[in-house]
Amino acid sequence: MGAQTGFRLPRLCLPRPDVDLFRWAVVACDQYTSEPDYWRRVAEKVGDAPSTLHLIFPEVFLGSADAPARIRRIQQTMRRYLDDGLLHEHEGAIYVERTVRDRTRRGLMLELDLEHYDFGRSSTSLIRPTEGTMVERLAPRIEVRRGAELELPHILVLIDDPTHTVIEPIGAARGSLQKLYETDLMLGGGRVAGYGVGGAQIDRAVSALCALGSPQAFATRYGVPPDTPPMLFAVGDGNHSLATAKSLWDAVKGSLGMNHPSRYALVEVENIHDPALDFAPIHRLLFGVSADVRQALADAFGSRLSCTDMPTAAAMRQRVRSADGTRHAVGLIGPGARFSVIEIADPPSTLAVGTLQPFLDGFIERGGAREVDYVHGDDVLERLATHDGNAGIHLAAVSKSDLLRMVVREGPLPRKTFSMGEAHEKRFYVEARRIRRPGDAAAAR
């Protein structure tokens, strides 16, 4: 464990027992990016109580004029929470159970070594992205992390463990574990609980993880040559957050040394074979549409494209789900309550999103729309896409049984291809982790 395995057991910070965890825990900052009302409701529930809301930058506000002041407040609040003793340190792995809609998924909190992570398209590192990284989106995240005392992880990392050797045996022994926290989560987020893991249980989990990452096991699992560099961890959610940590680490490691806490990032590891783990598509929402999207699609794909109007959004979704795979099928919403299914024969990409994303990029570059957002949830897309000047692209979910094999064989998928659940199912912040030594803080401020 450590330099060669790509991970280590964490040292993290938990809120002290008198903190109201319901108001402390809020959803990942990269959710509800087109719904400022959601974040206003969160702020109303939190008020002035200690909360991770005061430690993160909800990305719906990234373009706001007060962004620099907001970043300063975040970093000041981190220092104040630490100075006030609001957080206490916990050493060792934490087993996490997250329950939403009577389904419980399981995870294990670990620190990943950023020296083993490469988010480039040709990555062959032990830790790899599952999707393309939008490098232009890293700058504001880097500014939040630069000078911050803490990181708060919403990163979910996948392992391919079909025989359930790592996380599930810990869950089976949950009754013998020390419960560290448990709380309901606001606004439909369900419930989360965390348990300390140590002794023989974590030793077995570490051994099982190392076995999954062996070159022989990797080559057998994916049917690749035995000298293929193995992938043990695949970043499922929070790729841009991990890429931010990596980018900043690469920039500062020369001055800080290789044994600095910012070399690592705290993540939750989940088994892709967990039956409670759902994959959902990430749809595209166009704002400021000034051209006919259907005509632009016809111009781009010619006779390979067909467009069929559907009577309802439900009928559109069903038609997209039932596509036979020889043609790419996506839904198109707008203008207004118009629902269509677009089918493209002989597609240039393995996935529909890979076929549509270059078209959307070009459509925006030519002035057909002002911008695009990446939206979780069918209902959210349908509600927002029917507004004047908007249009929506509804995408089908990627099969999780094929996901990691595609990453190994073809590299990262197109950016924002899939989501591990809907927005309200995303990771809520509970744990934090120090990413500075005491002597680093003054220089950072």
Protein backbone atom coordinates (compact mmCIF):
# COMPACT_ATOMS: atom_id res chain seq x y z
CA MET A 1 0.00 0.00 0.00
CA GLY A 2 1.30 3.47 -0.85
CA ALA A 3 3.70 4.40 -3.62
CA GLN A 4 3.19 1.24 -5.71
CA THR A 5 -0.50 0.54 -5.09
CA GLY A 6 -1.84 4.02 -5.82
CA PHE A 7 -3.76 4.34 -2.53
CA ARG A 8 -3.38 4.53 1.21
CA LEU A 9 -5.60 4.52 4.27
CA PRO A 10 -6.85 8.03 5.00
CA ARG A 11 -6.45 10.52 7.78
CA LEU A 12 -9.57 12.64 7.60
CA CYS A 13 -11.65 15.11 9.56
CA LEU A 14 -15.19 14.58 10.81
CA PRO A 15 -17.54 17.13 12.41
CA ARG A 16 -17.63 16.92 16.18
CA PRO A 17 -20.65 15.15 17.74
CA ASP A 18 -22.66 18.29 18.54
CA VAL A 19 -22.81 19.42 14.88
CA ASP A 20 -26.21 19.01 13.20
CA LEU A 21 -25.29 16.61 10.39
CA PHE A 22 -28.51 17.25 8.49
CA ARG A 23 -27.43 20.84 7.93
CA TRP A 24 -23.74 19.98 7.74
CA ALA A 25 -24.04 17.65 4.72
CA VAL A 26 -24.89 19.14 1.32
CA VAL A 27 -24.80 17.66 -2.18
CA ALA A 28 -21.80 17.81 -4.52
CA CYS A 29 -21.03 21.32 -5.76
CA ASP A 30 -21.26 20.32 -9.44
CA GLN A 31 -24.95 19.40 -9.22
CA TYR A 32 -28.03 21.51 -10.07
CA THR A 33 -25.87 23.85 -12.15
CA SER A 34 -28.93 25.23 -13.98
CA GLU A 35 -31.10 25.44 -10.85
CA PRO A 36 -30.06 28.27 -8.52
CA ASP A 37 -33.37 27.80 -6.68
CA TYR A 38 -32.11 24.44 -5.40
CA TRP A 39 -29.08 26.08 -3.82
CA ARG A 40 -31.22 28.87 -2.37
CA ARG A 41 -33.34 26.22 -0.67
CA VAL A 42 -30.18 24.60 0.69
CA ALA A 43 -29.04 27.98 2.05
CA GLU A 44 -32.41 28.48 3.74
CA LYS A 45 -32.16 25.09 5.46
CA VAL A 46 -28.57 25.66 6.56
CA GLY A 47 -28.80 29.25 7.74
CA ASP A 48 -25.79 30.16 9.87
CA ALA A 49 -25.25 26.63 11.17
CA PRO A 50 -21.90 24.90 10.60
CA SER A 51 -22.18 23.35 7.16
CA THR A 52 -20.15 22.15 4.23
CA LEU A 53 -22.21 24.65 2.22
CA HIS A 54 -19.85 27.30 3.60
CA LEU A 55 -16.81 25.26 2.51
CA ILE A 56 -17.66 24.65 -1.16
CA PHE A 57 -18.35 26.73 -4.26
CA PRO A 58 -21.63 25.57 -5.88
CA GLU A 59 -20.82 25.70 -9.58
CA VAL A 60 -24.12 27.33 -10.44
CA PHE A 61 -22.44 30.51 -9.12
CA LEU A 62 -19.06 30.12 -10.83
CA GLY A 63 -19.72 32.96 -13.24
CA SER A 64 -20.95 35.38 -10.60
CA ALA A 65 -19.25 38.74 -10.06
CA ASP A 66 -18.56 37.94 -6.40
CA ALA A 67 -16.60 34.75 -7.18
CA PRO A 68 -13.26 36.02 -5.75
CA ALA A 69 -14.94 37.18 -2.53
CA ARG A 70 -16.79 33.86 -2.28
CA ILE A 71 -13.51 31.95 -2.57
CA ARG A 72 -11.95 34.07 0.20
CA ARG A 73 -14.94 33.38 2.45
CA ILE A 74 -14.66 29.64 1.82
CA GLN A 75 -11.00 29.57 2.75
CA GLN A 76 -11.54 31.78 5.82
CA THR A 77 -14.37 29.52 7.00
CA MET A 78 -12.16 26.46 6.67
CA ARG A 79 -9.57 28.06 8.92
CA ARG A 80 -12.22 29.18 11.40
CA TYR A 81 -13.78 25.72 11.63
CA LEU A 82 -10.34 24.23 12.29
CA ASP A 83 -9.40 26.91 14.82
CA ASP A 84 -12.72 26.47 16.65
CA GLY A 85 -12.22 22.70 16.95
CA LEU A 86 -15.32 22.00 14.86
CA LEU A 87 -13.55 19.08 13.18
CA HIS A 88 -11.70 16.17 14.75
CA GLU A 89 -9.29 13.83 13.01
CA HIS A 90 -9.99 10.17 12.31
CA GLU A 91 -7.31 7.79 11.10
CA GLY A 92 -8.26 4.86 8.91
CA ALA A 93 -10.73 3.81 6.27
CA ILE A 94 -14.43 4.51 6.56
CA TYR A 95 -17.11 2.19 5.19
CA VAL A 96 -20.03 4.24 3.83
CA GLU A 97 -23.63 3.22 3.23
CA ARG A 98 -25.87 5.55 1.23
CA THR A 99 -29.58 4.75 1.04
CA VAL A 100 -31.89 6.38 -1.51
CA ARG A 101 -35.31 4.98 -2.42
CA ASP A 102 -34.79 1.84 -0.31
CA ARG A 103 -31.60 0.94 -2.16
CA THR A 104 -28.26 1.03 -0.36
CA ARG A 105 -24.95 1.38 -2.15
CA ARG A 106 -21.65 0.76 -0.38
CA GLY A 107 -18.32 2.52 -0.52
CA LEU A 108 -14.91 2.74 1.13
CA MET A 109 -13.11 6.02 1.85
CA LEU A 110 -9.44 5.94 0.77
CA GLU A 111 -6.75 8.38 -0.30
CA LEU A 112 -5.55 8.05 -3.90
CA ASP A 113 -2.00 8.89 -4.92
CA LEU A 114 -2.10 11.60 -7.60
CA GLU A 115 1.28 10.41 -8.87
CA HIS A 116 -0.65 7.44 -10.27
CA TYR A 117 -3.33 9.55 -11.99
CA ASP A 118 -3.24 10.91 -15.53
CA PHE A 119 -6.42 12.48 -16.91
CA GLY A 120 -5.14 12.74 -20.49
CA ARG A 121 -6.94 10.97 -23.31
CA SER A 122 -4.11 8.48 -23.76
CA SER A 123 -3.86 7.71 -20.05
CA THR A 124 -2.49 4.30 -19.07
CA SER A 125 -2.12 5.14 -15.37
CA LEU A 126 -3.33 3.00 -12.48
CA ILE A 127 -6.02 5.64 -11.80
CA ARG A 128 -7.81 6.78 -14.96
CA PRO A 129 -10.70 9.01 -15.99
CA THR A 130 -13.74 7.38 -17.51
CA GLU A 131 -14.62 10.56 -19.40
CA GLY A 132 -12.79 13.34 -21.18
CA THR A 133 -11.69 16.26 -19.01
CA MET A 134 -12.61 19.83 -19.96
CA VAL A 135 -9.33 21.48 -19.01
CA GLU A 136 -10.84 24.94 -19.41
CA ARG A 137 -13.15 24.16 -16.48
CA LEU A 138 -10.30 23.52 -14.05
CA ALA A 139 -9.14 27.11 -13.48
CA PRO A 140 -11.92 28.21 -11.07
CA ARG A 141 -11.67 24.94 -9.18
CA ILE A 142 -7.91 25.39 -8.83
CA GLU A 143 -8.47 28.86 -7.37
CA VAL A 144 -10.78 27.38 -4.73
CA ARG A 145 -8.28 24.66 -3.82
CA ARG A 146 -5.22 26.93 -3.90
CA GLY A 147 -4.84 28.28 -0.37
CA ALA A 148 -7.58 26.01 1.04
CA GLU A 149 -6.84 24.14 4.24
CA LEU A 150 -9.26 21.30 3.49
CA GLU A 151 -10.58 19.22 0.66
CA LEU A 152 -14.13 17.91 0.75
CA PRO A 153 -14.56 14.92 -1.54
CA HIS A 154 -17.48 14.21 -3.80
CA ILE A 155 -15.30 11.96 -5.99
CA LEU A 156 -16.65 8.45 -6.56
CA VAL A 157 -14.10 5.99 -7.93
CA LEU A 158 -15.01 2.63 -9.43
CA ILE A 159 -13.35 -0.76 -9.05
CA ASP A 160 -14.22 -3.80 -11.16
CA ASP A 161 -14.77 -6.47 -8.51
CA PRO A 162 -17.31 -8.98 -9.88
CA THR A 163 -16.74 -11.49 -7.06
CA HIS A 164 -17.23 -8.82 -4.35
CA THR A 165 -13.92 -9.27 -2.53
CA VAL A 166 -13.18 -5.73 -1.32
CA ILE A 167 -16.15 -3.72 -0.03
CA GLU A 168 -18.94 -6.24 0.41
CA PRO A 169 -17.22 -8.36 3.11
CA ILE A 170 -16.89 -5.20 5.20
CA GLY A 171 -20.61 -4.54 4.78
CA ALA A 172 -21.39 -8.09 5.88
CA ALA A 173 -19.52 -7.38 9.13
CA ARG A 174 -21.11 -3.97 9.67
CA GLY A 175 -22.55 -4.99 13.04
CA SER A 176 -19.04 -5.21 14.48
CA LEU A 177 -17.94 -1.80 13.18
CA GLN A 178 -17.93 1.48 15.07
CA LYS A 179 -20.55 3.86 13.69
CA LEU A 180 -18.96 7.26 13.16
CA TYR A 181 -21.92 9.18 11.77
CA GLU A 182 -25.46 8.75 10.44
CA THR A 183 -27.94 11.32 9.18
CA ASP A 184 -30.85 11.98 6.91
CA LEU A 185 -29.92 14.13 3.89
CA MET A 186 -31.85 17.16 2.75
CA LEU A 187 -34.04 17.61 -0.34
CA GLY A 188 -34.56 13.97 -1.25
CA GLY A 189 -30.97 12.89 -0.66
CA GLY A 190 -31.90 9.84 1.42
CA ARG A 191 -29.65 8.77 4.27
CA VAL A 192 -25.93 8.16 4.84
CA ALA A 193 -23.94 6.37 7.53
CA GLY A 194 -20.20 5.88 8.02
CA TYR A 195 -18.34 3.21 10.01
CA GLY A 196 -14.68 2.94 11.01
CA VAL A 197 -12.83 -0.03 9.54
CA GLY A 198 -9.58 -1.43 10.92
CA GLY A 199 -7.71 -4.56 11.90
CA ALA A 200 -8.11 -7.76 9.91
CA GLN A 201 -11.08 -6.38 7.96
CA ILE A 202 -9.15 -3.56 6.33
CA ASP A 203 -6.12 -5.82 5.85
CA ARG A 204 -8.30 -8.22 3.82
CA ALA A 205 -9.77 -5.35 1.81
CA VAL A 206 -6.32 -3.96 1.00
CA SER A 207 -5.07 -7.38 -0.09
CA ALA A 208 -8.12 -7.85 -2.29
CA LEU A 209 -7.62 -4.43 -3.87
CA CYS A 210 -3.99 -5.20 -4.63
CA ALA A 211 -5.04 -8.51 -6.20
CA LEU A 212 -7.51 -6.70 -8.47
CA GLY A 213 -4.72 -4.40 -9.62
CA SER A 214 -2.22 -7.12 -10.50
CA PRO A 215 -1.22 -7.10 -14.20
CA GLN A 216 -2.21 -10.75 -14.59
CA ALA A 217 -5.69 -10.25 -13.13
CA PHE A 218 -6.20 -7.11 -15.21
CA ALA A 219 -5.15 -8.79 -18.47
CA THR A 220 -7.46 -11.74 -17.81
CA ARG A 221 -10.39 -9.53 -16.84
CA TYR A 222 -10.29 -7.41 -19.98
CA GLY A 223 -8.77 -9.79 -22.51
CA VAL A 224 -5.75 -7.56 -23.19
CA PRO A 225 -2.05 -8.47 -23.63
CA PRO A 226 -0.30 -9.34 -20.37
CA ASP A 227 2.04 -6.36 -20.61
CA THR A 228 -0.86 -3.86 -20.76
CA PRO A 229 -0.57 -1.30 -17.91
CA PRO A 230 -3.33 -2.13 -15.42
CA MET A 231 -6.16 0.17 -14.36
CA LEU A 232 -7.29 -0.36 -10.78
CA PHE A 233 -9.35 2.78 -10.16
CA ALA A 234 -11.67 4.43 -12.70
CA VAL A 235 -12.98 7.88 -11.81
CA GLY A 236 -16.75 7.68 -12.07
CA ASP A 237 -17.95 10.98 -10.56
CA GLY A 238 -15.90 14.06 -9.78
CA ASN A 239 -13.30 13.67 -12.52
CA HIS A 240 -12.81 17.44 -12.71
CA SER A 241 -12.31 17.65 -8.96
CA LEU A 242 -9.62 14.96 -9.08
CA ALA A 243 -8.07 16.60 -12.14
CA THR A 244 -7.99 19.88 -10.19
CA ALA A 245 -6.13 18.19 -7.33
CA LYS A 246 -3.72 16.61 -9.81
CA SER A 247 -3.07 19.86 -11.68
CA LEU A 248 -2.34 21.78 -8.50
CA TRP A 249 -0.16 18.99 -7.11
CA ASP A 250 1.93 18.93 -10.29
CA ALA A 251 2.39 22.70 -9.98
CA VAL A 252 3.56 22.70 -6.35
CA LYS A 253 5.28 19.38 -5.70
CA GLY A 254 8.67 20.71 -6.70
CA SER A 255 8.59 23.15 -3.81
CA LEU A 256 6.67 21.06 -1.26
CA GLY A 257 8.34 17.66 -1.61
CA MET A 258 6.86 14.26 -2.41
CA ASN A 259 5.65 13.53 1.12
CA HIS A 260 3.15 16.39 1.23
CA PRO A 261 -0.56 15.72 2.03
CA SER A 262 -1.67 17.39 -1.22
CA ARG A 263 -0.07 14.50 -3.12
CA TYR A 264 -3.19 12.53 -2.19
CA ALA A 265 -6.91 13.04 -2.67
CA LEU A 266 -9.72 11.65 -0.54
CA VAL A 267 -12.29 9.63 -2.51
CA GLU A 268 -15.05 7.10 -2.01
CA VAL A 269 -14.38 3.81 -3.80
CA GLU A 270 -17.39 1.82 -5.02
CA ASN A 271 -17.75 -1.49 -6.82
CA ILE A 272 -19.25 -1.09 -10.28
CA HIS A 273 -21.05 -4.40 -9.65
CA ASP A 274 -22.96 -3.05 -6.64
CA PRO A 275 -26.61 -3.67 -7.64
CA ALA A 276 -27.65 -0.40 -6.00
CA LEU A 277 -25.33 1.61 -8.23
CA ASP A 278 -27.32 3.09 -11.12
CA PHE A 279 -25.89 4.81 -14.16
CA ALA A 280 -27.83 7.71 -15.60
CA PRO A 281 -27.16 9.76 -18.73
CA ILE A 282 -26.04 13.37 -18.64
CA HIS A 283 -28.22 15.31 -21.06
CA ARG A 284 -27.36 18.46 -22.99
CA LEU A 285 -29.29 21.69 -22.50
CA LEU A 286 -28.79 24.48 -25.05
CA PHE A 287 -29.40 28.11 -24.07
CA GLY A 288 -29.93 31.05 -26.40
CA VAL A 289 -30.90 28.91 -29.40
CA SER A 290 -31.18 31.09 -32.47
CA ALA A 291 -31.08 28.51 -35.28
CA ASP A 292 -33.18 25.49 -36.23
CA VAL A 293 -31.51 22.55 -34.49
CA ARG A 294 -33.30 19.98 -36.64
CA GLN A 295 -32.20 21.65 -39.85
CA ALA A 296 -28.63 21.93 -38.56
CA LEU A 297 -28.65 18.21 -37.74
CA ALA A 298 -29.97 17.40 -41.23
CA ASP A 299 -27.23 19.54 -42.77
CA ALA A 300 -24.57 17.80 -40.67
CA PHE A 301 -25.63 14.18 -41.15
CA GLY A 302 -27.51 14.28 -44.45
CA SER A 303 -29.35 11.16 -45.55
CA ARG A 304 -28.04 9.20 -42.55
CA LEU A 305 -30.37 11.17 -40.27
CA SER A 306 -34.07 10.68 -39.62
CA CYS A 307 -36.28 12.81 -37.36
CA THR A 308 -39.57 11.49 -35.95
CA ASP A 309 -41.89 13.66 -33.87
CA MET A 310 -43.33 11.94 -30.80
CA PRO A 311 -46.60 12.80 -29.03
CA THR A 312 -45.11 13.01 -25.52
CA ALA A 313 -41.82 13.13 -23.68
CA ALA A 314 -42.49 9.63 -22.34
CA ALA A 315 -42.91 8.27 -25.86
CA MET A 316 -39.67 9.96 -26.88
CA ARG A 317 -37.78 8.41 -23.96
CA GLN A 318 -39.15 4.95 -24.71
CA ARG A 319 -38.15 5.18 -28.37
CA VAL A 320 -34.60 6.21 -27.41
CA ARG A 321 -34.30 3.37 -24.86
CA SER A 322 -35.50 0.76 -27.35
CA ALA A 323 -33.06 1.68 -30.14
CA ASP A 324 -31.43 -1.49 -31.51
CA GLY A 325 -27.87 -0.20 -31.46
CA THR A 326 -27.23 -0.16 -35.21
CA ARG A 327 -28.27 3.48 -35.26
CA HIS A 328 -27.69 6.13 -32.64
CA ALA A 329 -30.93 7.48 -31.20
CA VAL A 330 -31.33 10.63 -29.08
CA GLY A 331 -34.27 12.77 -28.07
CA LEU A 332 -34.62 16.39 -29.14
CA ILE A 333 -36.81 18.75 -27.10
CA GLY A 334 -37.90 22.16 -28.33
CA PRO A 335 -38.84 24.66 -29.40
CA GLY A 336 -41.48 24.58 -26.70
CA ALA A 337 -43.16 21.25 -25.99
CA ARG A 338 -42.03 19.54 -29.19
CA PHE A 339 -40.48 16.10 -28.74
CA SER A 340 -38.59 14.27 -31.48
CA VAL A 341 -36.33 11.26 -31.85
CA ILE A 342 -33.22 11.76 -33.95
CA GLU A 343 -31.66 8.61 -35.42
CA ILE A 344 -28.27 8.55 -37.16
CA ALA A 345 -27.12 5.61 -39.29
CA ASP A 346 -23.45 4.65 -39.68
CA PRO A 347 -22.45 6.76 -36.65
CA PRO A 348 -18.82 7.84 -36.39
CA SER A 349 -18.53 7.04 -32.68
CA THR A 350 -19.23 4.06 -30.44
CA LEU A 351 -21.61 6.11 -28.29
CA ALA A 352 -24.38 8.51 -29.25
CA VAL A 353 -22.83 11.25 -27.14
CA GLY A 354 -19.60 10.86 -29.10
CA THR A 355 -21.53 11.41 -32.32
CA LEU A 356 -23.58 14.37 -31.04
CA GLN A 357 -21.01 16.30 -29.00
CA PRO A 358 -18.89 17.47 -31.99
CA PHE A 359 -22.09 18.60 -33.70
CA LEU A 360 -23.13 20.59 -30.60
CA ASP A 361 -19.68 22.15 -30.26
CA GLY A 362 -19.82 23.28 -33.89
CA PHE A 363 -23.42 24.47 -33.56
CA ILE A 364 -22.41 26.78 -30.69
CA GLU A 365 -19.24 27.96 -32.47
CA ARG A 366 -21.37 28.99 -35.48
CA GLY A 367 -23.70 30.97 -33.23
CA GLY A 368 -26.64 28.56 -33.31
CA ALA A 369 -26.82 28.65 -29.50
CA ARG A 370 -25.16 30.70 -26.78
CA GLU A 371 -23.97 27.91 -24.50
CA VAL A 372 -24.54 24.33 -23.35
CA ASP A 373 -25.06 22.92 -19.86
CA TYR A 374 -24.84 19.31 -18.72
CA VAL A 375 -28.04 18.25 -16.97
CA HIS A 376 -28.90 15.29 -14.74
CA GLY A 377 -32.45 14.00 -14.73
CA ASP A 378 -35.07 13.50 -17.45
CA ASP A 379 -37.61 15.71 -15.70
CA VAL A 380 -35.13 18.56 -15.22
CA LEU A 381 -34.14 18.47 -18.89
CA GLU A 382 -37.76 18.41 -20.06
CA ARG A 383 -38.75 21.28 -17.79
CA LEU A 384 -35.87 23.54 -18.76
CA ALA A 385 -35.66 22.63 -22.45
CA THR A 386 -39.23 23.78 -23.09
CA HIS A 387 -38.44 27.36 -22.00
CA ASP A 388 -38.21 29.98 -24.71
CA GLY A 389 -34.82 30.00 -26.41
CA ASN A 390 -33.80 26.60 -25.05
CA ALA A 391 -33.48 23.12 -26.53
CA GLY A 392 -32.57 19.77 -25.01
CA ILE A 393 -30.74 16.66 -26.16
CA HIS A 394 -31.95 13.56 -24.30
CA LEU A 395 -29.38 10.74 -24.19
CA ALA A 396 -29.72 7.10 -23.21
CA ALA A 397 -27.74 5.64 -20.31
CA VAL A 398 -24.44 3.84 -20.87
CA SER A 399 -24.49 0.19 -19.78
CA LYS A 400 -22.33 -0.09 -16.68
CA SER A 401 -21.39 -3.65 -17.67
CA ASP A 402 -19.61 -2.23 -20.73
CA LEU A 403 -18.22 0.97 -19.24
CA LEU A 404 -14.82 -0.05 -17.88
CA ARG A 405 -14.11 -2.39 -20.78
CA MET A 406 -14.68 0.54 -23.15
CA VAL A 407 -12.36 2.76 -21.10
CA VAL A 408 -9.62 0.12 -21.13
CA ARG A 409 -9.93 -0.57 -24.85
CA GLU A 410 -10.86 2.87 -26.25
CA GLY A 411 -9.71 5.37 -23.63
CA PRO A 412 -11.88 7.92 -21.80
CA LEU A 413 -15.43 8.33 -23.05
CA PRO A 414 -16.63 11.69 -24.38
CA ARG A 415 -16.92 14.34 -21.68
CA LYS A 416 -20.02 14.23 -19.49
CA THR A 417 -21.19 10.88 -20.87
CA PHE A 418 -22.80 9.36 -17.79
CA SER A 419 -23.68 10.00 -14.19
CA MET A 420 -23.67 7.60 -11.25
CA GLY A 421 -27.30 8.21 -10.37
CA GLU A 422 -29.46 11.32 -10.54
CA ALA A 423 -28.47 14.63 -8.97
CA HIS A 424 -30.12 13.96 -5.58
CA GLU A 425 -28.27 10.61 -5.37
CA LYS A 426 -24.84 12.20 -5.69
CA ARG A 427 -22.35 12.23 -2.88
CA PHE A 428 -23.09 14.55 0.02
CA TYR A 429 -20.13 16.09 1.85
CA VAL A 430 -19.56 14.73 5.34
CA GLU A 431 -15.82 14.05 5.64
CA ALA A 432 -13.01 16.51 5.02
CA ARG A 433 -9.25 16.15 4.81
CA ARG A 434 -6.34 18.48 5.53
CA ILE A 435 -4.30 19.22 2.42
CA ARG A 436 -1.78 21.57 4.06
CA ARG A 437 0.82 21.32 6.75
CA PRO A 438 0.68 24.01 9.45
CA GLY A 439 3.73 25.73 7.95
CA ASP A 440 2.13 25.96 4.50
CA ALA A 441 -0.88 28.04 5.55
CA ALA A 442 0.77 31.43 5.96
CA ALA A 443 2.42 31.27 2.56
CA ALA A 444 -0.88 30.38 0.91
CA ARG A 445 -2.83 33.33 2.33
